[in-house]
Amino acid sequence: MAVLNRNYFDPHAVSDADVKKINSVLTVLGGVVVHDTGVVY
């Protein structure tokens, strides 16, 4: 599972040009956190 910093699925929230700026703030693989920026509490 990946938690992104922007709502990729809402075309009103992210313009085509801003898609390149989307980052993962949390990534969980097999129940293990493999990436965490500390943004999600």
PDB file of N, CA and C in Angstrom:
ATOM      1  N   MET A   1       0.847  -1.150   0.000  1.00  0.00           N
ATOM      2  CA  MET A   1       0.000   0.000   0.000  1.00  0.00           C
ATOM      3  C   MET A   1       0.897   1.218   0.000  1.00  0.00           C
ATOM      4  N   ALA A   2       0.488   2.231  -0.730  1.00  0.00           N
ATOM      5  CA  ALA A   2       1.231   3.495  -0.749  1.00  0.00           C
ATOM      6  C   ALA A   2       0.274   4.632  -0.402  1.00  0.00           C
ATOM      7  N   VAL A   3       0.724   5.523   0.455  1.00  0.00           N
ATOM      8  CA  VAL A   3      -0.024   6.737   0.786  1.00  0.00           C
ATOM      9  C   VAL A   3       0.701   7.886   0.107  1.00  0.00           C
ATOM     10  N   LEU A   4      -0.020   8.589  -0.749  1.00  0.00           N
ATOM     11  CA  LEU A   4       0.585   9.670  -1.520  1.00  0.00           C
ATOM     12  C   LEU A   4       0.311  11.022  -0.880  1.00  0.00           C
ATOM     13  N   ASN A   5       1.127  12.008  -1.238  1.00  0.00           N
ATOM     14  CA  ASN A   5       0.972  13.340  -0.670  1.00  0.00           C
ATOM     15  C   ASN A   5      -0.107  14.164  -1.363  1.00  0.00           C
ATOM     16  N   ARG A   6      -0.619  13.692  -2.479  1.00  0.00           N
ATOM     17  CA  ARG A   6      -1.696  14.375  -3.200  1.00  0.00           C
ATOM     18  C   ARG A   6      -2.717  13.337  -3.650  1.00  0.00           C
ATOM     19  N   ASN A   7      -3.938  13.766  -3.905  1.00  0.00           N
ATOM     20  CA  ASN A   7      -5.011  12.873  -4.353  1.00  0.00           C
ATOM     21  C   ASN A   7      -4.908  12.674  -5.865  1.00  0.00           C
ATOM     22  N   TYR A   8      -4.189  11.663  -6.258  1.00  0.00           N
ATOM     23  CA  TYR A   8      -3.947  11.356  -7.673  1.00  0.00           C
ATOM     24  C   TYR A   8      -5.237  11.090  -8.441  1.00  0.00           C
ATOM     25  N   PHE A   9      -6.251  10.554  -7.785  1.00  0.00           N
ATOM     26  CA  PHE A   9      -7.472  10.134  -8.455  1.00  0.00           C
ATOM     27  C   PHE A   9      -8.491  11.251  -8.640  1.00  0.00           C
ATOM     28  N   ASP A  10      -8.231  12.433  -8.100  1.00  0.00           N
ATOM     29  CA  ASP A  10      -9.151  13.565  -8.247  1.00  0.00           C
ATOM     30  C   ASP A  10      -8.551  14.549  -9.252  1.00  0.00           C
ATOM     31  N   PRO A  11      -9.114  14.634 -10.457  1.00  0.00           N
ATOM     32  CA  PRO A  11      -8.544  15.518 -11.478  1.00  0.00           C
ATOM     33  C   PRO A  11      -8.611  16.994 -11.104  1.00  0.00           C
ATOM     34  N   HIS A  12      -9.446  17.355 -10.141  1.00  0.00           N
ATOM     35  CA  HIS A  12      -9.527  18.749  -9.697  1.00  0.00           C
ATOM     36  C   HIS A  12      -8.450  19.069  -8.665  1.00  0.00           C
ATOM     37  N   ALA A  13      -7.915  18.047  -8.017  1.00  0.00           N
ATOM     38  CA  ALA A  13      -6.905  18.253  -6.973  1.00  0.00           C
ATOM     39  C   ALA A  13      -5.490  18.295  -7.531  1.00  0.00           C
ATOM     40  N   VAL A  14      -5.262  17.597  -8.649  1.00  0.00           N
ATOM     41  CA  VAL A  14      -3.914  17.501  -9.216  1.00  0.00           C
ATOM     42  C   VAL A  14      -3.993  17.740 -10.721  1.00  0.00           C
ATOM     43  N   SER A  15      -3.273  18.749 -11.167  1.00  0.00           N
ATOM     44  CA  SER A  15      -3.232  18.999 -12.610  1.00  0.00           C
ATOM     45  C   SER A  15      -2.274  18.013 -13.275  1.00  0.00           C
ATOM     46  N   ASP A  16      -2.346  17.924 -14.580  1.00  0.00           N
ATOM     47  CA  ASP A  16      -1.448  17.034 -15.316  1.00  0.00           C
ATOM     48  C   ASP A  16       0.016  17.380 -15.035  1.00  0.00           C
ATOM     49  N   ALA A  17       0.317  18.660 -14.937  1.00  0.00           N
ATOM     50  CA  ALA A  17       1.697  19.093 -14.691  1.00  0.00           C
ATOM     51  C   ALA A  17       2.157  18.731 -13.280  1.00  0.00           C
ATOM     52  N   ASP A  18       1.233  18.659 -12.324  1.00  0.00           N
ATOM     53  CA  ASP A  18       1.597  18.367 -10.933  1.00  0.00           C
ATOM     54  C   ASP A  18       1.738  16.878 -10.637  1.00  0.00           C
ATOM     55  N   VAL A  19       1.338  16.019 -11.571  1.00  0.00           N
ATOM     56  CA  VAL A  19       1.443  14.573 -11.346  1.00  0.00           C
ATOM     57  C   VAL A  19       2.895  14.191 -11.065  1.00  0.00           C
ATOM     58  N   LYS A  20       3.834  14.844 -11.705  1.00  0.00           N
ATOM     59  CA  LYS A  20       5.259  14.552 -11.506  1.00  0.00           C
ATOM     60  C   LYS A  20       5.723  14.897 -10.089  1.00  0.00           C
ATOM     61  N   LYS A  21       4.974  15.708  -9.382  1.00  0.00           N
ATOM     62  CA  LYS A  21       5.368  16.151  -8.037  1.00  0.00           C
ATOM     63  C   LYS A  21       4.787  15.271  -6.930  1.00  0.00           C
ATOM     64  N   ILE A  22       3.998  14.259  -7.288  1.00  0.00           N
ATOM     65  CA  ILE A  22       3.395  13.382  -6.290  1.00  0.00           C
ATOM     66  C   ILE A  22       4.460  12.459  -5.710  1.00  0.00           C
ATOM     67  N   ASN A  23       4.471  12.348  -4.378  1.00  0.00           N
ATOM     68  CA  ASN A  23       5.442  11.506  -3.686  1.00  0.00           C
ATOM     69  C   ASN A  23       4.734  10.568  -2.721  1.00  0.00           C
ATOM     70  N   SER A  24       5.383   9.474  -2.430  1.00  0.00           N
ATOM     71  CA  SER A  24       4.884   8.561  -1.411  1.00  0.00           C
ATOM     72  C   SER A  24       5.326   9.074  -0.046  1.00  0.00           C
ATOM     73  N   VAL A  25       4.384   9.139   0.898  1.00  0.00           N
ATOM     74  CA  VAL A  25       4.739   9.536   2.262  1.00  0.00           C
ATOM     75  C   VAL A  25       4.782   8.320   3.183  1.00  0.00           C
ATOM     76  N   LEU A  26       4.162   7.206   2.724  1.00  0.00           N
ATOM     77  CA  LEU A  26       4.189   5.965   3.494  1.00  0.00           C
ATOM     78  C   LEU A  26       4.008   4.804   2.525  1.00  0.00           C
ATOM     79  N   THR A  27       4.870   3.796   2.647  1.00  0.00           N
ATOM     80  CA  THR A  27       4.759   2.598   1.828  1.00  0.00           C
ATOM     81  C   THR A  27       4.835   1.382   2.732  1.00  0.00           C
ATOM     82  N   VAL A  28       3.839   0.495   2.592  1.00  0.00           N
ATOM     83  CA  VAL A  28       3.787  -0.731   3.376  1.00  0.00           C
ATOM     84  C   VAL A  28       3.829  -1.897   2.398  1.00  0.00           C
ATOM     85  N   LEU A  29       4.732  -2.834   2.641  1.00  0.00           N
ATOM     86  CA  LEU A  29       4.890  -4.001   1.779  1.00  0.00           C
ATOM     87  C   LEU A  29       4.871  -5.255   2.639  1.00  0.00           C
ATOM     88  N   GLY A  30       3.894  -6.111   2.416  1.00  0.00           N
ATOM     89  CA  GLY A  30       3.783  -7.333   3.198  1.00  0.00           C
ATOM     90  C   GLY A  30       3.564  -7.074   4.680  1.00  0.00           C
ATOM     91  N   GLY A  31       2.872  -5.985   5.003  1.00  0.00           N
ATOM     92  CA  GLY A  31       2.596  -5.639   6.391  1.00  0.00           C
ATOM     93  C   GLY A  31       3.746  -4.936   7.103  1.00  0.00           C
ATOM     94  N   VAL A  32       4.818  -4.659   6.374  1.00  0.00           N
ATOM     95  CA  VAL A  32       5.998  -4.015   6.955  1.00  0.00           C
ATOM     96  C   VAL A  32       6.159  -2.628   6.333  1.00  0.00           C
ATOM     97  N   VAL A  33       6.342  -1.617   7.177  1.00  0.00           N
ATOM     98  CA  VAL A  33       6.584  -0.270   6.682  1.00  0.00           C
ATOM     99  C   VAL A  33       7.983  -0.240   6.085  1.00  0.00           C
ATOM    100  N   VAL A  34       8.069   0.075   4.794  1.00  0.00           N
ATOM    101  CA  VAL A  34       9.369   0.110   4.125  1.00  0.00           C
ATOM    102  C   VAL A  34       9.803   1.533   3.787  1.00  0.00           C
ATOM    103  N   HIS A  35       8.870   2.480   3.891  1.00  0.00           N
ATOM    104  CA  HIS A  35       9.210   3.889   3.670  1.00  0.00           C
ATOM    105  C   HIS A  35       8.245   4.739   4.485  1.00  0.00           C
ATOM    106  N   ASP A  36       8.773   5.668   5.272  1.00  0.00           N
ATOM    107  CA  ASP A  36       7.930   6.522   6.101  1.00  0.00           C
ATOM    108  C   ASP A  36       8.597   7.879   6.231  1.00  0.00           C
ATOM    109  N   THR A  37       7.925   8.935   5.756  1.00  0.00           N
ATOM    110  CA  THR A  37       8.477  10.283   5.870  1.00  0.00           C
ATOM    111  C   THR A  37       8.126  10.939   7.204  1.00  0.00           C
ATOM    112  N   GLY A  38       7.240  10.295   7.991  1.00  0.00           N
ATOM    113  CA  GLY A  38       6.840  10.870   9.259  1.00  0.00           C
ATOM    114  C   GLY A  38       5.668  11.823   9.164  1.00  0.00           C
ATOM    115  N   VAL A  39       5.088  11.956   7.973  1.00  0.00           N
ATOM    116  CA  VAL A  39       3.966  12.872   7.764  1.00  0.00           C
ATOM    117  C   VAL A  39       2.673  12.273   8.283  1.00  0.00           C
ATOM    118  N   VAL A  40       2.485  10.962   8.140  1.00  0.00           N
ATOM    119  CA  VAL A  40       1.277  10.276   8.578  1.00  0.00           C
ATOM    120  C   VAL A  40       1.449   9.896  10.032  1.00  0.00           C
ATOM    121  N   TYR A  41       0.447  10.228  10.850  1.00  0.00           N
ATOM    122  CA  TYR A  41       0.549   9.964  12.297  1.00  0.00           C
ATOM    123  C   TYR A  41      -0.023   8.633  12.654  1.00  0.00           C
TER     124      TYR A  41
END
